[in-house]
């Protein structure tokens, strides 16, 4: 861990469990340094998470405390509840393994809605990693037409919010189906030619650590778990459609197949029903597959999946954690499930907001302890800001200088946190450690990741704000202001009347029950606004993201350049 002390920027690193607190003791006039133990509060946890965390606490000599307010770390199961109120109550010196908004973005329906929209707006070749997907009930008519196709195609139906394989079934086109227009399912083309090892179908559970959403910073662990079916695979037909041990890779199902399940132990790790990702990649390499290309595609799949979630995570975080100055108070480990087809293309199956930390086999303990231990190591050194000058009275409008100072402190903390995380990674073994996910195409594929876009949105949202309750959705005047800051609203090609009509169009399009007076243009809708305007201005652009890229680049000269004093 890093040692406490002030750097030349005036930021102070908090003590880690190795850092030494200084206490003067009477005696020979010496100052004796004693270790300060980190403190952890375990709240809202399943038994499996408690067991794993207590094993780590015992290893490190950390303390478990009974009160959240007395802890440096708050550990919880993110899947159990959406604890937004927790993020509003923690102080700057605490970290919690929870990111507001991640739970709903890991549910199948919202995730695939966003992926489908991103594929329509962008280049499908760059969002290659998920099969044709229908989100019911809104895509029911489109799916019904597909299912009337007499050419047999297999689809897999997954209930929204389902887990551990419950409620999943297969159906084929050209046959009568039992789906209803009101059903809430995610229906996908079934990968009928999966990559097989020893004749068995399998998927990979990978672990992605998100340490910041502003800016987005995430890591992939180089190992994970491969879960195998326990019945040899055959392409789906009318006779085997119900054979779950053949078609579903869920470990929670396959472990009950007494005839086919093989427990992982010292003698059969290479043929067990649950193996390490490292073992499976080696087996793929032994068959002549290009494992470097496999990892490259996996990293693109994982990073672009998180990037699709970015606008909602950014908006929810900044509306929950008020005036965040960095580093991120929240971090989260999510599970990403991937399957390969026979051509070694990775296909995203789903993401898991709260991956299981059950350790019923040694392989679970070996991998999951490292996943959590290294994550905590990477986030445990906190950079505490010096106390800022007293803020203006609540009634005073927020000034440009305040917003810029807040953004600068956030960025400085990001730079230091990223450097610390890189230092932690360098000390781990390459076979089982996190590595930073990077992609040169990312900001073009997802324009909302461009710093000038989020800066313009935040400046428009915060300037003049009197109550300082975080970043809220934009009203029509603030939407116009954000587009003006970006140089898009120039009064010629894009007028104020155009923006007002676009606001109405977007709000109507995303109408849903339970709307309230805080409704407005979120960052995700701001991205759709940019796409709509860009496609109108550049109709010859190959895709929507190409049009947005052209528009932002050509408007850069007119963009408002905010500079801190």
Protein backbone atom coordinates (compact mmCIF):
# COMPACT_ATOMS: atom_id res chain seq x y z
CA UNK A 1 0.00 0.00 0.00
CA UNK A 2 1.02 3.60 -0.48
CA UNK A 3 2.34 5.56 2.44
CA UNK A 4 0.52 8.59 3.77
CA UNK A 5 1.96 11.98 2.96
CA UNK A 6 1.33 15.12 0.92
CA UNK A 7 2.46 15.40 -2.67
CA UNK A 8 3.25 18.60 -4.54
CA UNK A 9 -0.37 18.90 -5.68
CA UNK A 10 -1.58 19.16 -2.11
CA UNK A 11 -3.39 15.83 -2.22
CA UNK A 12 -2.99 13.55 0.73
CA UNK A 13 -2.80 9.77 0.36
CA UNK A 14 -4.71 7.89 3.02
CA UNK A 15 -2.97 5.19 4.98
CA UNK A 16 -3.29 1.58 3.85
CA UNK A 17 -2.93 -1.41 6.12
CA UNK A 18 0.84 -1.32 5.63
CA UNK A 19 1.05 2.43 6.22
CA UNK A 20 2.28 3.31 9.66
CA UNK A 21 0.41 5.63 11.98
CA UNK A 22 2.72 7.66 14.12
CA UNK A 23 2.27 7.63 17.90
CA UNK A 24 4.61 9.17 20.41
CA UNK A 25 5.23 6.99 23.44
CA UNK A 26 6.92 7.79 26.70
CA UNK A 27 10.20 6.05 27.38
CA UNK A 28 13.52 6.82 25.80
CA UNK A 29 12.14 9.75 23.88
CA UNK A 30 11.69 7.66 20.71
CA UNK A 31 8.73 7.88 18.37
CA UNK A 32 7.47 4.38 17.69
CA UNK A 33 5.39 3.66 14.57
CA UNK A 34 2.60 1.13 14.80
CA UNK A 35 0.49 -0.43 12.09
CA UNK A 36 -2.99 0.86 11.47
CA UNK A 37 -5.49 -1.81 10.46
CA UNK A 38 -8.04 -1.12 7.74
CA UNK A 39 -11.69 -1.45 8.73
CA UNK A 40 -14.48 -3.08 6.72
CA UNK A 41 -18.23 -3.04 7.19
CA UNK A 42 -20.02 -6.08 5.72
CA UNK A 43 -23.59 -5.08 4.98
CA UNK A 44 -26.35 -6.57 2.86
CA UNK A 45 -24.13 -9.59 2.18
CA UNK A 46 -24.92 -13.19 1.33
CA UNK A 47 -23.22 -15.90 3.37
CA UNK A 48 -20.85 -16.70 0.50
CA UNK A 49 -19.62 -13.09 0.30
CA UNK A 50 -19.22 -12.93 4.08
CA UNK A 51 -17.12 -16.12 4.09
CA UNK A 52 -14.88 -14.86 1.29
CA UNK A 53 -14.41 -11.43 2.87
CA UNK A 54 -13.67 -12.86 6.32
CA UNK A 55 -11.02 -15.09 4.78
CA UNK A 56 -9.39 -12.03 3.23
CA UNK A 57 -9.69 -10.00 6.45
CA UNK A 58 -7.95 -12.77 8.38
CA UNK A 59 -5.19 -12.94 5.77
CA UNK A 60 -4.56 -9.19 5.86
CA UNK A 61 -5.24 -8.60 9.54
CA UNK A 62 -8.04 -6.14 8.76
CA UNK A 63 -10.90 -5.39 11.17
CA UNK A 64 -14.59 -6.07 10.63
CA UNK A 65 -16.64 -3.30 12.25
CA UNK A 66 -20.30 -3.22 13.18
CA UNK A 67 -21.08 0.33 12.07
CA UNK A 68 -20.82 1.62 8.54
CA UNK A 69 -19.70 5.05 9.77
CA UNK A 70 -16.62 3.50 11.44
CA UNK A 71 -15.31 1.75 8.31
CA UNK A 72 -12.98 2.65 5.48
CA UNK A 73 -14.61 0.06 3.19
CA UNK A 74 -18.25 -0.90 2.81
CA UNK A 75 -18.67 -4.32 1.18
CA UNK A 76 -22.08 -5.45 0.01
CA UNK A 77 -23.73 -7.68 -2.57
CA UNK A 78 -24.75 -5.24 -5.32
CA UNK A 79 -27.33 -7.69 -6.66
CA UNK A 80 -29.36 -7.74 -3.45
CA UNK A 81 -30.68 -4.20 -3.61
CA UNK A 82 -30.15 -0.89 -5.31
CA UNK A 83 -28.71 0.97 -2.33
CA UNK A 84 -28.63 4.48 -3.75
CA UNK A 85 -29.07 5.95 -0.29
CA UNK A 86 -25.81 4.28 0.74
CA UNK A 87 -23.86 6.37 -1.78
CA UNK A 88 -25.38 9.58 -0.45
CA UNK A 89 -24.33 8.77 3.12
CA UNK A 90 -20.71 7.68 2.74
CA UNK A 91 -17.94 10.19 3.26
CA UNK A 92 -15.01 10.99 0.99
CA UNK A 93 -12.68 8.73 2.96
CA UNK A 94 -14.78 5.62 2.27
CA UNK A 95 -15.07 3.23 -0.66
CA UNK A 96 -18.03 0.97 -1.43
CA UNK A 97 -18.22 -1.87 -3.97
CA UNK A 98 -21.33 -0.48 -5.62
CA UNK A 99 -21.90 1.81 -8.60
CA UNK A 100 -25.32 3.46 -8.85
CA UNK A 101 -27.12 2.41 -12.01
CA UNK A 102 -25.11 -0.75 -12.61
CA UNK A 103 -27.87 -3.08 -11.42
CA UNK A 104 -30.45 -1.99 -13.98
CA UNK A 105 -27.83 -1.88 -16.73
CA UNK A 106 -26.92 -5.53 -16.04
CA UNK A 107 -30.53 -6.65 -16.44
CA UNK A 108 -31.04 -8.27 -19.80
CA UNK A 109 -33.73 -5.95 -21.20
CA UNK A 110 -32.05 -2.55 -20.61
CA UNK A 111 -28.66 -3.92 -21.69
CA UNK A 112 -29.87 -5.32 -24.99
CA UNK A 113 -32.05 -2.27 -25.68
CA UNK A 114 -28.89 -0.19 -25.51
CA UNK A 115 -26.87 -2.67 -27.57
CA UNK A 116 -29.54 -2.80 -30.27
CA UNK A 117 -29.73 0.99 -30.40
CA UNK A 118 -25.94 1.29 -30.53
CA UNK A 119 -25.81 -1.21 -33.41
CA UNK A 120 -28.45 0.75 -35.36
CA UNK A 121 -26.65 4.07 -34.78
CA UNK A 122 -23.15 2.72 -35.40
CA UNK A 123 -21.24 0.20 -37.46
CA UNK A 124 -22.55 -3.34 -36.83
CA UNK A 125 -19.06 -4.73 -37.54
CA UNK A 126 -17.77 -2.94 -34.43
CA UNK A 127 -20.58 -4.33 -32.28
CA UNK A 128 -20.01 -7.84 -33.54
CA UNK A 129 -20.32 -9.59 -30.23
CA UNK A 130 -24.02 -10.14 -29.61
CA UNK A 131 -26.48 -12.18 -31.71
CA UNK A 132 -29.75 -10.82 -33.17
CA UNK A 133 -31.82 -9.96 -30.10
CA UNK A 134 -35.48 -9.12 -29.55
CA UNK A 135 -36.62 -7.41 -26.37
CA UNK A 136 -40.22 -8.25 -25.51
CA UNK A 137 -42.81 -6.93 -25.42
CA UNK A 138 -41.73 -4.01 -27.67
CA UNK A 139 -40.09 -6.22 -30.34
CA UNK A 140 -42.82 -8.86 -30.32
CA UNK A 141 -44.21 -8.10 -33.81
CA UNK A 142 -40.75 -8.13 -35.36
CA UNK A 143 -39.95 -11.44 -33.65
CA UNK A 144 -43.29 -12.95 -34.65
CA UNK A 145 -42.46 -12.28 -38.31
CA UNK A 146 -39.08 -13.96 -37.85
CA UNK A 147 -40.66 -17.01 -36.24
CA UNK A 148 -43.01 -17.45 -39.20
CA UNK A 149 -40.00 -18.06 -41.43
CA UNK A 150 -40.20 -21.65 -42.61
CA UNK A 151 -36.42 -22.00 -42.69
CA UNK A 152 -35.68 -23.55 -39.28
CA UNK A 153 -33.80 -21.25 -36.93
CA UNK A 154 -33.42 -21.79 -33.21
CA UNK A 155 -33.97 -19.04 -30.63
CA UNK A 156 -33.29 -19.00 -26.90
CA UNK A 157 -35.79 -17.24 -24.62
CA UNK A 158 -34.59 -15.78 -21.32
CA UNK A 159 -36.88 -14.14 -18.76
CA UNK A 160 -35.83 -10.63 -17.82
CA UNK A 161 -34.29 -10.67 -14.35
CA UNK A 162 -33.96 -14.46 -14.40
CA UNK A 163 -30.89 -16.17 -12.99
CA UNK A 164 -29.23 -19.58 -12.78
CA UNK A 165 -30.99 -20.86 -15.89
CA UNK A 166 -34.50 -20.57 -14.45
CA UNK A 167 -37.26 -20.14 -17.03
CA UNK A 168 -35.03 -20.46 -20.11
CA UNK A 169 -36.32 -22.42 -23.09
CA UNK A 170 -35.63 -22.92 -26.81
CA UNK A 171 -38.01 -22.48 -29.73
CA UNK A 172 -37.74 -22.85 -33.50
CA UNK A 173 -39.05 -20.81 -36.38
CA UNK A 174 -41.68 -22.36 -38.63
CA UNK A 175 -43.45 -23.90 -35.66
CA UNK A 176 -46.16 -22.68 -33.33
CA UNK A 177 -44.80 -20.88 -30.31
CA UNK A 178 -46.21 -20.02 -26.90
CA UNK A 179 -44.93 -16.45 -26.65
CA UNK A 180 -47.54 -13.73 -26.03
CA UNK A 181 -47.40 -10.00 -26.92
CA UNK A 182 -47.32 -9.13 -23.19
CA UNK A 183 -44.43 -11.48 -22.30
CA UNK A 184 -41.24 -10.00 -20.85
CA UNK A 185 -38.43 -11.99 -22.42
CA UNK A 186 -35.16 -11.40 -24.17
CA UNK A 187 -35.12 -13.66 -27.24
CA UNK A 188 -31.88 -14.29 -29.12
CA UNK A 189 -30.70 -16.34 -32.05
CA UNK A 190 -29.26 -19.52 -30.58
CA UNK A 191 -25.56 -20.11 -31.30
CA UNK A 192 -26.12 -23.48 -32.95
CA UNK A 193 -22.47 -24.07 -33.85
CA UNK A 194 -20.61 -23.34 -30.59
CA UNK A 195 -16.95 -24.05 -30.05
CA UNK A 196 -16.69 -27.45 -28.37
CA UNK A 197 -13.99 -28.97 -26.19
CA UNK A 198 -14.12 -32.76 -25.99
CA UNK A 199 -17.60 -32.54 -27.52
CA UNK A 200 -19.03 -30.29 -24.78
CA UNK A 201 -20.43 -26.78 -25.03
CA UNK A 202 -19.09 -24.19 -22.56
CA UNK A 203 -19.06 -20.50 -21.68
CA UNK A 204 -16.63 -18.23 -19.82
CA UNK A 205 -17.35 -16.17 -16.72
CA UNK A 206 -14.99 -13.21 -16.86
CA UNK A 207 -14.54 -10.52 -14.20
CA UNK A 208 -14.46 -6.82 -15.04
CA UNK A 209 -13.52 -4.27 -12.37
CA UNK A 210 -14.88 -0.75 -12.89
CA UNK A 211 -12.97 1.69 -10.67
CA UNK A 212 -14.36 4.93 -12.11
CA UNK A 213 -17.19 6.12 -14.34
CA UNK A 214 -15.94 9.71 -14.78
CA UNK A 215 -13.71 9.17 -16.61
CA UNK A 216 -14.53 5.54 -17.44
CA UNK A 217 -11.79 3.25 -16.17
CA UNK A 218 -12.17 -0.53 -16.14
CA UNK A 219 -10.04 -3.64 -15.98
CA UNK A 220 -10.38 -7.28 -17.04
CA UNK A 221 -9.02 -10.12 -14.92
CA UNK A 222 -6.80 -12.48 -16.91
CA UNK A 223 -8.40 -15.58 -15.43
CA UNK A 224 -11.94 -16.66 -14.72
CA UNK A 225 -14.18 -19.70 -14.81
CA UNK A 226 -15.25 -21.89 -17.73
CA UNK A 227 -18.59 -23.64 -17.13
CA UNK A 228 -19.28 -26.76 -19.21
CA UNK A 229 -22.45 -28.55 -20.14
CA UNK A 230 -22.55 -32.08 -18.77
CA UNK A 231 -24.07 -33.79 -21.81
CA UNK A 232 -22.30 -33.93 -25.18
CA UNK A 233 -23.58 -31.38 -27.63
CA UNK A 234 -25.79 -31.99 -30.65
CA UNK A 235 -27.42 -29.22 -32.73
CA UNK A 236 -30.94 -28.48 -31.47
CA UNK A 237 -33.77 -30.45 -33.03
CA UNK A 238 -37.32 -31.38 -32.08
CA UNK A 239 -36.07 -34.30 -29.96
CA UNK A 240 -33.40 -32.59 -27.83
CA UNK A 241 -34.71 -29.03 -27.34
CA UNK A 242 -35.58 -29.73 -23.70
CA UNK A 243 -32.23 -31.27 -22.72
CA UNK A 244 -30.87 -28.54 -20.44
CA UNK A 245 -27.61 -30.37 -19.66
CA UNK A 246 -26.79 -30.22 -23.38
CA UNK A 247 -27.85 -26.65 -24.21
CA UNK A 248 -27.49 -24.59 -21.02
CA UNK A 249 -24.07 -23.97 -19.50
CA UNK A 250 -25.36 -22.74 -16.14
CA UNK A 251 -23.29 -24.35 -13.39
CA UNK A 252 -26.25 -24.17 -11.00
CA UNK A 253 -28.07 -26.61 -13.30
CA UNK A 254 -25.29 -28.88 -14.48
CA UNK A 255 -23.91 -29.69 -11.03
CA UNK A 256 -27.05 -31.79 -10.45
CA UNK A 257 -26.35 -34.07 -13.43
CA UNK A 258 -24.92 -37.03 -11.54
CA UNK A 259 -24.05 -38.91 -14.71
CA UNK A 260 -22.10 -36.16 -16.45
CA UNK A 261 -20.83 -33.71 -13.83
CA UNK A 262 -17.07 -33.90 -13.15
CA UNK A 263 -15.74 -32.10 -10.09
CA UNK A 264 -12.49 -30.17 -10.48
CA UNK A 265 -9.62 -31.66 -8.48
CA UNK A 266 -5.89 -32.21 -8.85
CA UNK A 267 -6.30 -35.17 -11.21
CA UNK A 268 -8.93 -33.92 -13.67
CA UNK A 269 -8.65 -30.14 -13.90
CA UNK A 270 -8.45 -30.34 -17.70
CA UNK A 271 -11.67 -32.32 -18.11
CA UNK A 272 -13.77 -30.98 -15.21
CA UNK A 273 -17.17 -29.39 -15.64
CA UNK A 274 -15.75 -26.18 -14.17
CA UNK A 275 -12.25 -25.14 -15.25
CA UNK A 276 -10.15 -22.01 -15.15
CA UNK A 277 -10.22 -19.72 -18.17
CA UNK A 278 -6.43 -20.03 -18.24
CA UNK A 279 -6.75 -23.82 -18.67
CA UNK A 280 -9.34 -23.48 -21.45
CA UNK A 281 -7.29 -20.90 -23.36
CA UNK A 282 -4.32 -23.26 -23.19
CA UNK A 283 -6.49 -26.08 -24.52
CA UNK A 284 -7.66 -23.86 -27.37
CA UNK A 285 -4.04 -23.03 -28.16
CA UNK A 286 -3.15 -26.72 -28.20
CA UNK A 287 -5.81 -27.19 -30.89
CA UNK A 288 -4.04 -24.60 -33.06
CA UNK A 289 -6.25 -21.60 -32.32
CA UNK A 290 -4.78 -18.08 -32.18
CA UNK A 291 -5.18 -17.31 -28.48
CA UNK A 292 -3.80 -13.75 -28.85
CA UNK A 293 -6.61 -12.95 -31.29
CA UNK A 294 -9.10 -14.60 -28.93
CA UNK A 295 -8.03 -12.32 -26.06
CA UNK A 296 -8.13 -9.27 -28.33
CA UNK A 297 -11.76 -9.99 -29.24
CA UNK A 298 -12.63 -10.71 -25.60
CA UNK A 299 -11.25 -7.34 -24.46
CA UNK A 300 -13.17 -5.47 -27.18
CA UNK A 301 -16.36 -7.28 -26.21
CA UNK A 302 -15.95 -6.49 -22.50
CA UNK A 303 -14.95 -2.84 -22.89
CA UNK A 304 -17.61 -2.02 -25.48
CA UNK A 305 -20.25 -3.69 -23.35
CA UNK A 306 -19.33 -1.45 -20.40
CA UNK A 307 -19.12 1.58 -22.72
CA UNK A 308 -22.73 1.01 -23.81
CA UNK A 309 -23.70 1.37 -20.13
CA UNK A 310 -21.56 4.47 -19.60
CA UNK A 311 -24.17 7.24 -20.12
CA UNK A 312 -26.58 5.77 -17.57
CA UNK A 313 -23.78 5.05 -15.06
CA UNK A 314 -22.37 8.58 -15.45
CA UNK A 315 -25.76 10.25 -15.03
CA UNK A 316 -26.85 8.09 -12.09
CA UNK A 317 -23.52 8.47 -10.29
CA UNK A 318 -23.49 12.26 -10.58
CA UNK A 319 -27.12 12.57 -9.51
CA UNK A 320 -26.42 10.39 -6.45
CA UNK A 321 -22.93 11.44 -5.32
CA UNK A 322 -23.18 15.21 -5.15
CA UNK A 323 -20.26 17.35 -6.35
CA UNK A 324 -17.95 14.35 -6.65
CA UNK A 325 -14.34 15.50 -6.68
CA UNK A 326 -12.67 12.10 -7.08
CA UNK A 327 -11.47 9.51 -6.79
CA UNK A 328 -14.65 7.53 -7.36
CA UNK A 329 -16.27 6.53 -4.07
CA UNK A 330 -17.76 3.48 -5.79
CA UNK A 331 -16.17 0.57 -7.58
CA UNK A 332 -17.70 -2.70 -8.72
CA UNK A 333 -16.79 -6.15 -9.97
CA UNK A 334 -19.23 -7.39 -12.59
CA UNK A 335 -19.41 -10.77 -14.31
CA UNK A 336 -19.34 -10.94 -18.11
CA UNK A 337 -20.43 -14.23 -19.70
CA UNK A 338 -19.10 -15.06 -23.17
CA UNK A 339 -19.44 -18.04 -25.51
CA UNK A 340 -17.39 -18.81 -28.63
CA UNK A 341 -18.77 -20.14 -31.88
CA UNK A 342 -16.95 -22.61 -34.13
CA UNK A 343 -15.16 -19.71 -35.87
CA UNK A 344 -13.85 -18.46 -32.49
CA UNK A 345 -16.06 -15.37 -32.48
CA UNK A 346 -16.99 -14.36 -28.91
CA UNK A 347 -20.69 -13.79 -28.21
CA UNK A 348 -21.92 -11.85 -25.20
CA UNK A 349 -24.49 -13.87 -23.26
CA UNK A 350 -25.15 -11.49 -20.36
CA UNK A 351 -23.56 -9.38 -17.66
CA UNK A 352 -24.00 -10.04 -13.97
CA UNK A 353 -24.31 -7.21 -11.45
CA UNK A 354 -23.40 -9.46 -8.52
CA UNK A 355 -21.29 -12.43 -9.63
CA UNK A 356 -21.38 -15.33 -7.21
CA UNK A 357 -18.51 -15.62 -4.75
CA UNK A 358 -19.51 -19.10 -3.71
CA UNK A 359 -16.41 -21.22 -3.07
CA UNK A 360 -17.71 -24.79 -3.21
CA UNK A 361 -14.63 -25.99 -5.13
CA UNK A 362 -10.94 -25.19 -4.78
CA UNK A 363 -10.91 -23.60 -8.22
CA UNK A 364 -13.55 -21.11 -7.04
CA UNK A 365 -11.45 -20.18 -4.03
CA UNK A 366 -8.25 -19.81 -6.06
CA UNK A 367 -9.76 -17.46 -8.62
CA UNK A 368 -12.41 -15.54 -6.68
CA UNK A 369 -10.12 -14.68 -3.77
CA UNK A 370 -7.62 -13.19 -6.23
CA UNK A 371 -10.37 -11.31 -8.07
CA UNK A 372 -11.56 -9.61 -4.87
CA UNK A 373 -8.17 -9.28 -3.16
CA UNK A 374 -6.55 -7.52 -6.10
CA UNK A 375 -9.61 -5.29 -6.59
CA UNK A 376 -9.43 -4.11 -2.98
CA UNK A 377 -5.69 -3.59 -3.27
CA UNK A 378 -6.21 -1.36 -6.30
CA UNK A 379 -8.82 0.86 -4.64
CA UNK A 380 -7.59 0.92 -1.05
CA UNK A 381 -5.31 3.96 -1.26
CA UNK A 382 -7.53 7.03 -1.17
CA UNK A 383 -6.42 10.51 -2.13
CA UNK A 384 -8.16 12.94 0.17
CA UNK A 385 -8.64 16.45 -1.09
CA UNK A 386 -7.66 19.38 1.13
CA UNK A 387 -10.81 21.05 2.40
CA UNK A 388 -11.98 23.58 -0.21
CA UNK A 389 -12.90 27.13 0.64
CA UNK A 390 -16.39 27.46 2.11
CA UNK A 391 -18.89 27.26 -0.79
CA UNK A 392 -21.16 30.20 -1.54
CA UNK A 393 -24.57 30.31 0.09
CA UNK A 394 -26.99 27.77 -1.27
CA UNK A 395 -28.98 30.51 -2.97
CA UNK A 396 -26.01 31.73 -5.03
CA UNK A 397 -25.90 30.38 -8.60
CA UNK A 398 -23.03 27.99 -9.32
CA UNK A 399 -20.24 29.78 -11.20
CA UNK A 400 -18.10 28.59 -14.09
CA UNK A 401 -14.99 28.77 -11.89
CA UNK A 402 -16.60 26.42 -9.34
CA UNK A 403 -17.46 23.81 -11.97
CA UNK A 404 -14.01 23.97 -13.55
CA UNK A 405 -12.31 23.66 -10.15
CA UNK A 406 -14.48 20.64 -9.32
CA UNK A 407 -13.64 19.00 -12.67
CA UNK A 408 -9.92 19.68 -12.20
CA UNK A 409 -9.86 18.10 -8.74
CA UNK A 410 -11.71 15.10 -10.15
CA UNK A 411 -9.22 14.75 -13.00
CA UNK A 412 -6.17 15.12 -10.72
CA UNK A 413 -7.55 12.38 -8.47
CA UNK A 414 -8.16 10.17 -11.54
CA UNK A 415 -4.54 10.55 -12.68
CA UNK A 416 -3.23 9.55 -9.26
CA UNK A 417 -5.68 6.66 -8.87
CA UNK A 418 -4.81 5.30 -12.31
CA UNK A 419 -1.09 5.44 -11.50
CA UNK A 420 -1.67 3.60 -8.22
CA UNK A 421 -3.75 0.93 -9.95
CA UNK A 422 -1.02 0.42 -12.56
CA UNK A 423 1.54 0.02 -9.77
CA UNK A 424 -0.61 -2.64 -8.08
CA UNK A 425 -1.07 -4.55 -11.33
CA UNK A 426 2.67 -4.59 -12.04
CA UNK A 427 3.29 -6.43 -8.77
CA UNK A 428 0.95 -9.35 -9.63
CA UNK A 429 1.62 -12.47 -11.70
CA UNK A 430 0.66 -12.04 -15.36
CA UNK A 431 -1.45 -15.23 -15.40
CA UNK A 432 -3.90 -13.93 -12.81
CA UNK A 433 -4.19 -10.17 -12.57
CA UNK A 434 -6.22 -7.26 -13.89
CA UNK A 435 -5.22 -5.27 -16.95
CA UNK A 436 -6.55 -1.94 -18.17
CA UNK A 437 -9.11 -2.19 -20.96
CA UNK A 438 -8.24 0.14 -23.83
CA UNK A 439 -9.63 0.56 -27.34
CA UNK A 440 -8.48 3.14 -29.91
CA UNK A 441 -11.91 3.17 -31.57
CA UNK A 442 -13.89 3.63 -28.37
CA UNK A 443 -14.48 7.40 -28.40
CA UNK A 444 -15.57 7.29 -32.05
CA UNK A 445 -17.93 4.35 -31.47
CA UNK A 446 -19.30 5.99 -28.32
CA UNK A 447 -19.07 9.80 -28.76
CA UNK A 448 -20.38 10.43 -25.24
CA UNK A 449 -16.97 9.29 -23.97
CA UNK A 450 -15.34 12.31 -25.62
CA UNK A 451 -14.29 14.74 -22.83
CA UNK A 452 -15.72 17.78 -24.61
CA UNK A 453 -19.18 16.16 -24.73
CA UNK A 454 -19.43 15.39 -21.01
CA UNK A 455 -17.83 18.76 -20.21
CA UNK A 456 -20.46 20.63 -22.22
CA UNK A 457 -23.26 18.59 -20.65
CA UNK A 458 -21.94 19.12 -17.11
CA UNK A 459 -21.33 22.83 -17.58
CA UNK A 460 -24.86 23.32 -18.92
CA UNK A 461 -26.34 21.26 -16.07
CA UNK A 462 -24.40 22.89 -13.23
CA UNK A 463 -24.03 26.55 -14.23
CA UNK A 464 -26.57 28.67 -12.40
CA UNK A 465 -27.61 25.72 -10.21
CA UNK A 466 -28.62 27.07 -6.80
CA UNK A 467 -29.27 23.92 -4.76
CA UNK A 468 -26.19 21.93 -5.90
CA UNK A 469 -27.94 18.57 -5.97
CA UNK A 470 -25.71 16.92 -8.55
CA UNK A 471 -26.06 16.70 -12.32
CA UNK A 472 -29.70 16.55 -13.28
CA UNK A 473 -31.33 16.03 -16.72
CA UNK A 474 -31.33 19.07 -18.99
CA UNK A 475 -34.32 21.33 -19.49
CA UNK A 476 -34.91 22.76 -23.02
CA UNK A 477 -32.83 25.92 -22.33
CA UNK A 478 -30.00 23.87 -20.82
CA UNK A 479 -30.06 21.44 -23.78
CA UNK A 480 -29.64 24.42 -26.08
CA UNK A 481 -26.80 25.69 -23.88
CA UNK A 482 -24.97 22.33 -24.00
CA UNK A 483 -25.24 22.19 -27.80
CA UNK A 484 -24.03 25.80 -28.00
CA UNK A 485 -21.00 24.96 -25.84
CA UNK A 486 -20.19 22.13 -28.27
CA UNK A 487 -20.47 24.52 -31.23
CA UNK A 488 -23.39 22.56 -32.69
CA UNK A 489 -26.10 25.18 -32.07
CA UNK A 490 -24.89 27.93 -34.40
CA UNK A 491 -28.20 29.56 -35.33
CA UNK A 492 -27.67 28.63 -39.00
CA UNK A 493 -27.53 24.88 -39.60
CA UNK A 494 -29.05 24.20 -36.18
CA UNK A 495 -31.47 26.72 -34.72
CA UNK A 496 -33.01 27.09 -31.28
CA UNK A 497 -36.42 26.11 -32.70
CA UNK A 498 -34.88 22.88 -34.03
CA UNK A 499 -33.50 22.09 -30.58
CA UNK A 500 -36.83 22.72 -28.86
CA UNK A 501 -38.63 20.39 -31.28
CA UNK A 502 -35.92 17.77 -30.79
CA UNK A 503 -36.37 17.98 -27.02
CA UNK A 504 -40.10 17.24 -27.37
CA UNK A 505 -39.39 14.36 -29.78
CA UNK A 506 -36.88 12.73 -27.42
CA UNK A 507 -39.01 13.12 -24.30
CA UNK A 508 -42.05 11.62 -26.04
CA UNK A 509 -39.97 8.75 -27.38
CA UNK A 510 -38.72 7.74 -23.94
CA UNK A 511 -42.10 8.16 -22.21
CA UNK A 512 -42.63 5.72 -19.38
CA UNK A 513 -44.89 5.40 -16.32
CA UNK A 514 -43.79 7.20 -13.19
CA UNK A 515 -42.32 10.27 -14.85
CA UNK A 516 -41.68 13.17 -12.51
CA UNK A 517 -40.63 16.80 -12.59
CA UNK A 518 -36.96 15.79 -12.79
CA UNK A 519 -37.53 14.29 -16.23
CA UNK A 520 -35.43 15.82 -18.97
CA UNK A 521 -32.53 15.09 -21.30
CA UNK A 522 -30.13 12.65 -19.66
CA UNK A 523 -26.64 12.03 -21.03
CA UNK A 524 -27.97 8.98 -22.90
CA UNK A 525 -30.69 11.09 -24.55
CA UNK A 526 -28.11 13.80 -25.25
CA UNK A 527 -26.22 11.22 -27.28
CA UNK A 528 -29.38 10.46 -29.24
CA UNK A 529 -29.88 14.20 -29.81
CA UNK A 530 -26.36 14.47 -31.25
CA UNK A 531 -26.99 11.45 -33.46
CA UNK A 532 -30.30 12.85 -34.76
CA UNK A 533 -28.78 16.23 -35.62
CA UNK A 534 -25.64 14.72 -37.17
CA UNK A 535 -27.57 12.34 -39.45
CA UNK A 536 -29.61 15.31 -40.71
CA UNK A 537 -26.49 17.42 -41.33
CA UNK A 538 -24.40 14.65 -42.88
CA UNK A 539 -26.78 12.28 -44.70
CA UNK A 540 -23.95 10.82 -46.78
CA UNK A 541 -22.05 9.56 -43.72
CA UNK A 542 -21.86 5.75 -43.68
CA UNK A 543 -23.23 5.43 -40.14
CA UNK A 544 -24.66 7.54 -37.35
CA UNK A 545 -21.43 7.50 -35.35
CA UNK A 546 -19.49 8.62 -38.43
CA UNK A 547 -21.93 11.52 -38.80
CA UNK A 548 -21.50 12.50 -35.12
CA UNK A 549 -17.72 12.29 -35.48
CA UNK A 550 -17.83 14.60 -38.52
CA UNK A 551 -20.13 17.05 -36.77
CA UNK A 552 -18.08 17.28 -33.57
CA UNK A 553 -14.81 17.65 -35.47
CA UNK A 554 -16.17 20.38 -37.75
CA UNK A 555 -17.77 22.21 -34.82
CA UNK A 556 -14.60 22.11 -32.72
CA UNK A 557 -13.55 25.62 -33.81
CA UNK A 558 -16.84 27.05 -32.52
CA UNK A 559 -16.78 25.04 -29.31
CA UNK A 560 -16.56 27.02 -26.09
CA UNK A 561 -13.13 26.45 -24.53
CA UNK A 562 -13.47 26.42 -20.75
CA UNK A 563 -10.22 27.17 -18.97
CA UNK A 564 -9.57 27.07 -15.25
CA UNK A 565 -8.03 30.15 -13.73
